[in-house]
Amino acid sequence: MTLHLIRHAHAVAAGENPLRPLSPRGRTQVAQLAAFFRANGRLRPVEIWHSRLVRSRETAVLLAQGLDFSGPLVETAGLEPEDDPRAILGRVTGAPDGLAIVGHEPHLNALACLLMHGVDGPPRFELKKGACLALERDEGKWQVRWLIDPELIGPGP
């Protein structure tokens, strides 16, 4: 099973808009990420989960559009920044192969650590906004398949 953990793209500051939608930079990040994966075929989700927060939902929607993805986009409880990853662990491990989750730090890092090590210890990855971490489960064990940093596929800030 392959699981893709995608951190939402850059969002406006809370002082500018308390709902924190994606900024123009964030929209560009998502477009670049989608173009990168459309060209290489390494991200073909069967389902995309996202948190209820605007920046996560917008990232998921724009990514789906950029990938020509017609599967379900699912607003999923338990994916917010400070949520306990153990609350969603069973749903993730029982999900279909090719699940993509668009979420937040530190939750995504904690979820990855929990899957790979059984504990949600200290962060082990630097998931920048717009990054994608692919985990793969083989014979019950999760491992990192790859990590794509947004700076690798597009211009920096």
C-alpha atoms as a PDB file:
ATOM      1  CA  MET A   1       0.000   0.000   0.000  1.00  0.00           C
ATOM      2  CA  THR A   2       1.181   3.494  -0.806  1.00  0.00           C
ATOM      3  CA  LEU A   3       0.070   6.515   1.223  1.00  0.00           C
ATOM      4  CA  HIS A   4       0.783  10.117   0.211  1.00  0.00           C
ATOM      5  CA  LEU A   5       0.975  12.769   2.930  1.00  0.00           C
ATOM      6  CA  ILE A   6       0.764  16.258   1.436  1.00  0.00           C
ATOM      7  CA  ARG A   7       1.160  19.415   3.452  1.00  0.00           C
ATOM      8  CA  HIS A   8      -1.170  22.210   2.379  1.00  0.00           C
ATOM      9  CA  ALA A   9       0.380  24.931   0.241  1.00  0.00           C
ATOM     10  CA  HIS A  10       1.267  28.436   1.397  1.00  0.00           C
ATOM     11  CA  ALA A  11      -1.666  30.331   2.917  1.00  0.00           C
ATOM     12  CA  VAL A  12      -2.271  33.971   3.743  1.00  0.00           C
ATOM     13  CA  ALA A  13      -1.538  35.137   7.289  1.00  0.00           C
ATOM     14  CA  ALA A  14      -4.345  35.030   9.841  1.00  0.00           C
ATOM     15  CA  GLY A  15      -4.137  38.834  10.161  1.00  0.00           C
ATOM     16  CA  GLU A  16      -4.967  39.182   6.469  1.00  0.00           C
ATOM     17  CA  ASN A  17      -7.792  36.636   6.534  1.00  0.00           C
ATOM     18  CA  PRO A  18      -8.592  34.552   9.631  1.00  0.00           C
ATOM     19  CA  LEU A  19      -9.839  31.672   7.438  1.00  0.00           C
ATOM     20  CA  ARG A  20      -6.319  31.447   5.914  1.00  0.00           C
ATOM     21  CA  PRO A  21      -7.082  30.569   2.283  1.00  0.00           C
ATOM     22  CA  LEU A  22      -4.222  29.828  -0.081  1.00  0.00           C
ATOM     23  CA  SER A  23      -2.106  32.750  -1.159  1.00  0.00           C
ATOM     24  CA  PRO A  24      -1.176  33.317  -4.806  1.00  0.00           C
ATOM     25  CA  ARG A  25       2.154  31.660  -3.946  1.00  0.00           C
ATOM     26  CA  GLY A  26       0.264  28.663  -2.542  1.00  0.00           C
ATOM     27  CA  ARG A  27      -1.868  28.340  -5.660  1.00  0.00           C
ATOM     28  CA  THR A  28       1.309  28.347  -7.734  1.00  0.00           C
ATOM     29  CA  GLN A  29       2.833  25.675  -5.462  1.00  0.00           C
ATOM     30  CA  VAL A  30      -0.167  23.400  -5.993  1.00  0.00           C
ATOM     31  CA  ALA A  31      -0.132  23.963  -9.760  1.00  0.00           C
ATOM     32  CA  GLN A  32       3.570  23.070  -9.897  1.00  0.00           C
ATOM     33  CA  LEU A  33       3.049  19.983  -7.716  1.00  0.00           C
ATOM     34  CA  ALA A  34       0.170  18.791  -9.896  1.00  0.00           C
ATOM     35  CA  ALA A  35       2.140  19.391 -13.103  1.00  0.00           C
ATOM     36  CA  PHE A  36       5.125  17.505 -11.672  1.00  0.00           C
ATOM     37  CA  PHE A  37       3.009  14.482 -10.769  1.00  0.00           C
ATOM     38  CA  ARG A  38       0.938  14.614 -13.947  1.00  0.00           C
ATOM     39  CA  ALA A  39       4.195  14.398 -15.934  1.00  0.00           C
ATOM     40  CA  ASN A  40       5.703  11.472 -13.997  1.00  0.00           C
ATOM     41  CA  GLY A  41       2.600   9.573 -12.848  1.00  0.00           C
ATOM     42  CA  ARG A  42       3.925   9.039  -9.310  1.00  0.00           C
ATOM     43  CA  LEU A  43       0.788  10.379  -7.638  1.00  0.00           C
ATOM     44  CA  ARG A  44      -2.387   8.679  -8.796  1.00  0.00           C
ATOM     45  CA  PRO A  45      -4.667   8.845  -5.791  1.00  0.00           C
ATOM     46  CA  VAL A  46      -7.812   6.776  -5.518  1.00  0.00           C
ATOM     47  CA  GLU A  47      -9.163   9.084  -2.830  1.00  0.00           C
ATOM     48  CA  ILE A  48      -8.031  12.416  -1.362  1.00  0.00           C
ATOM     49  CA  TRP A  49      -8.739  13.239   2.261  1.00  0.00           C
ATOM     50  CA  HIS A  50      -8.386  16.774   3.619  1.00  0.00           C
ATOM     51  CA  SER A  51      -9.066  18.611   6.857  1.00  0.00           C
ATOM     52  CA  ARG A  52     -11.944  21.041   7.275  1.00  0.00           C
ATOM     53  CA  LEU A  53      -9.548  24.012   7.209  1.00  0.00           C
ATOM     54  CA  VAL A  54      -9.771  26.165   4.082  1.00  0.00           C
ATOM     55  CA  ARG A  55      -6.084  25.923   3.127  1.00  0.00           C
ATOM     56  CA  SER A  56      -6.200  22.126   3.215  1.00  0.00           C
ATOM     57  CA  ARG A  57      -9.455  21.903   1.243  1.00  0.00           C
ATOM     58  CA  GLU A  58      -8.230  24.381  -1.388  1.00  0.00           C
ATOM     59  CA  THR A  59      -4.959  22.484  -1.777  1.00  0.00           C
ATOM     60  CA  ALA A  60      -6.869  19.221  -2.247  1.00  0.00           C
ATOM     61  CA  VAL A  61      -9.287  20.735  -4.772  1.00  0.00           C
ATOM     62  CA  LEU A  62      -6.571  22.397  -6.850  1.00  0.00           C
ATOM     63  CA  LEU A  63      -4.400  19.278  -6.753  1.00  0.00           C
ATOM     64  CA  ALA A  64      -7.331  17.139  -7.903  1.00  0.00           C
ATOM     65  CA  GLN A  65      -8.062  19.565 -10.750  1.00  0.00           C
ATOM     66  CA  GLY A  66      -4.408  19.645 -11.791  1.00  0.00           C
ATOM     67  CA  LEU A  67      -4.205  15.843 -11.804  1.00  0.00           C
ATOM     68  CA  ASP A  68      -7.526  15.461 -13.652  1.00  0.00           C
ATOM     69  CA  PHE A  69      -8.592  13.410 -10.635  1.00  0.00           C
ATOM     70  CA  SER A  70     -12.276  12.508 -10.618  1.00  0.00           C
ATOM     71  CA  GLY A  71     -12.358  10.386  -7.466  1.00  0.00           C
ATOM     72  CA  PRO A  72     -13.706  11.422  -4.084  1.00  0.00           C
ATOM     73  CA  LEU A  73     -12.439  14.394  -2.097  1.00  0.00           C
ATOM     74  CA  VAL A  74     -13.322  13.642   1.508  1.00  0.00           C
ATOM     75  CA  GLU A  75     -13.358  16.173   4.329  1.00  0.00           C
ATOM     76  CA  THR A  76     -12.030  14.051   7.160  1.00  0.00           C
ATOM     77  CA  ALA A  77     -12.084  14.692  10.892  1.00  0.00           C
ATOM     78  CA  GLY A  78      -8.835  14.132  12.753  1.00  0.00           C
ATOM     79  CA  LEU A  79      -6.482  15.821  10.259  1.00  0.00           C
ATOM     80  CA  GLU A  80      -6.033  19.234  11.855  1.00  0.00           C
ATOM     81  CA  PRO A  81      -2.651  20.524  13.055  1.00  0.00           C
ATOM     82  CA  GLU A  82      -2.928  19.521  16.704  1.00  0.00           C
ATOM     83  CA  ASP A  83      -5.154  16.426  16.313  1.00  0.00           C
ATOM     84  CA  ASP A  84      -3.895  13.169  17.794  1.00  0.00           C
ATOM     85  CA  PRO A  85      -2.814  10.953  14.874  1.00  0.00           C
ATOM     86  CA  ARG A  86      -3.844   7.851  16.836  1.00  0.00           C
ATOM     87  CA  ALA A  87      -7.462   8.943  16.383  1.00  0.00           C
ATOM     88  CA  ILE A  88      -7.247   8.373  12.617  1.00  0.00           C
ATOM     89  CA  LEU A  89      -4.682   5.578  12.512  1.00  0.00           C
ATOM     90  CA  GLY A  90      -7.215   2.764  12.004  1.00  0.00           C
ATOM     91  CA  ARG A  91      -8.913   4.576   9.136  1.00  0.00           C
ATOM     92  CA  VAL A  92      -5.580   5.240   7.439  1.00  0.00           C
ATOM     93  CA  THR A  93      -4.270   1.698   7.739  1.00  0.00           C
ATOM     94  CA  GLY A  94      -7.589   0.328   6.468  1.00  0.00           C
ATOM     95  CA  ALA A  95      -7.852   2.801   3.587  1.00  0.00           C
ATOM     96  CA  PRO A  96      -7.481   1.857  -0.061  1.00  0.00           C
ATOM     97  CA  ASP A  97      -4.066   1.715  -1.691  1.00  0.00           C
ATOM     98  CA  GLY A  98      -3.229   5.101  -3.163  1.00  0.00           C
ATOM     99  CA  LEU A  99      -4.827   7.277  -0.499  1.00  0.00           C
ATOM    100  CA  ALA A 100      -3.599  10.897  -0.447  1.00  0.00           C
ATOM    101  CA  ILE A 101      -4.040  13.016   2.674  1.00  0.00           C
ATOM    102  CA  VAL A 102      -3.761  16.801   2.493  1.00  0.00           C
ATOM    103  CA  GLY A 103      -3.127  18.117   5.967  1.00  0.00           C
ATOM    104  CA  HIS A 104      -0.978  20.130   8.323  1.00  0.00           C
ATOM    105  CA  GLU A 105       2.101  20.068  10.470  1.00  0.00           C
ATOM    106  CA  PRO A 106       2.764  18.813  13.079  1.00  0.00           C
ATOM    107  CA  HIS A 107      -0.021  16.264  12.481  1.00  0.00           C
ATOM    108  CA  LEU A 108       1.359  14.772   9.248  1.00  0.00           C
ATOM    109  CA  ASN A 109       4.805  14.294  10.782  1.00  0.00           C
ATOM    110  CA  ALA A 110       3.325  12.663  13.863  1.00  0.00           C
ATOM    111  CA  LEU A 111       1.172  10.372  11.692  1.00  0.00           C
ATOM    112  CA  ALA A 112       4.179   9.308   9.599  1.00  0.00           C
ATOM    113  CA  CYS A 113       6.213   8.571  12.746  1.00  0.00           C
ATOM    114  CA  LEU A 114       3.320   6.625  14.258  1.00  0.00           C
ATOM    115  CA  LEU A 115       2.930   4.507  11.132  1.00  0.00           C
ATOM    116  CA  MET A 116       6.650   3.773  10.805  1.00  0.00           C
ATOM    117  CA  HIS A 117       7.717   3.503  14.453  1.00  0.00           C
ATOM    118  CA  GLY A 118       4.546   2.902  16.448  1.00  0.00           C
ATOM    119  CA  VAL A 119       5.001   6.176  18.347  1.00  0.00           C
ATOM    120  CA  ASP A 120       4.213   9.762  17.425  1.00  0.00           C
ATOM    121  CA  GLY A 121       7.602  10.974  18.558  1.00  0.00           C
ATOM    122  CA  PRO A 122       9.534  14.056  17.554  1.00  0.00           C
ATOM    123  CA  PRO A 123       9.315  15.251  13.939  1.00  0.00           C
ATOM    124  CA  ARG A 124      11.539  13.257  11.618  1.00  0.00           C
ATOM    125  CA  PHE A 125      10.751  14.986   8.350  1.00  0.00           C
ATOM    126  CA  GLU A 126      10.738  18.549   7.193  1.00  0.00           C
ATOM    127  CA  LEU A 127       7.436  18.838   5.386  1.00  0.00           C
ATOM    128  CA  LYS A 128       7.457  22.303   3.894  1.00  0.00           C
ATOM    129  CA  LYS A 129       4.218  23.792   2.634  1.00  0.00           C
ATOM    130  CA  GLY A 130       3.396  21.992  -0.603  1.00  0.00           C
ATOM    131  CA  ALA A 131       5.627  18.966   0.158  1.00  0.00           C
ATOM    132  CA  CYS A 132       4.575  15.369  -0.487  1.00  0.00           C
ATOM    133  CA  LEU A 133       5.823  12.377   1.508  1.00  0.00           C
ATOM    134  CA  ALA A 134       5.102   8.909   0.098  1.00  0.00           C
ATOM    135  CA  LEU A 135       5.035   6.010   2.532  1.00  0.00           C
ATOM    136  CA  GLU A 136       4.789   2.394   1.501  1.00  0.00           C
ATOM    137  CA  ARG A 137       3.623  -0.560   3.566  1.00  0.00           C
ATOM    138  CA  ASP A 138       5.117  -3.919   2.761  1.00  0.00           C
ATOM    139  CA  GLU A 139       4.525  -6.977   4.934  1.00  0.00           C
ATOM    140  CA  GLY A 140       2.962  -4.779   7.605  1.00  0.00           C
ATOM    141  CA  LYS A 141       5.895  -2.354   7.891  1.00  0.00           C
ATOM    142  CA  TRP A 142       5.797   1.247   6.698  1.00  0.00           C
ATOM    143  CA  GLN A 143       8.807   2.950   5.163  1.00  0.00           C
ATOM    144  CA  VAL A 144       9.565   6.138   3.277  1.00  0.00           C
ATOM    145  CA  ARG A 145       9.365   5.718  -0.458  1.00  0.00           C
ATOM    146  CA  TRP A 146      10.199   9.349  -1.326  1.00  0.00           C
ATOM    147  CA  LEU A 147       9.814  12.972  -0.222  1.00  0.00           C
ATOM    148  CA  ILE A 148       9.255  15.795  -2.710  1.00  0.00           C
ATOM    149  CA  ASP A 149      10.160  19.258  -1.501  1.00  0.00           C
ATOM    150  CA  PRO A 150       8.369  22.079  -3.365  1.00  0.00           C
ATOM    151  CA  GLU A 151      11.701  23.800  -4.034  1.00  0.00           C
ATOM    152  CA  LEU A 152      12.735  20.830  -6.178  1.00  0.00           C
ATOM    153  CA  ILE A 153       9.940  21.374  -8.661  1.00  0.00           C
ATOM    154  CA  GLY A 154       9.492  25.128  -8.774  1.00  0.00           C
ATOM    155  CA  PRO A 155      11.069  28.430  -7.875  1.00  0.00           C
ATOM    156  CA  GLY A 156      11.458  29.312  -4.211  1.00  0.00           C
ATOM    157  CA  PRO A 157       9.624  32.112  -2.394  1.00  0.00           C
END
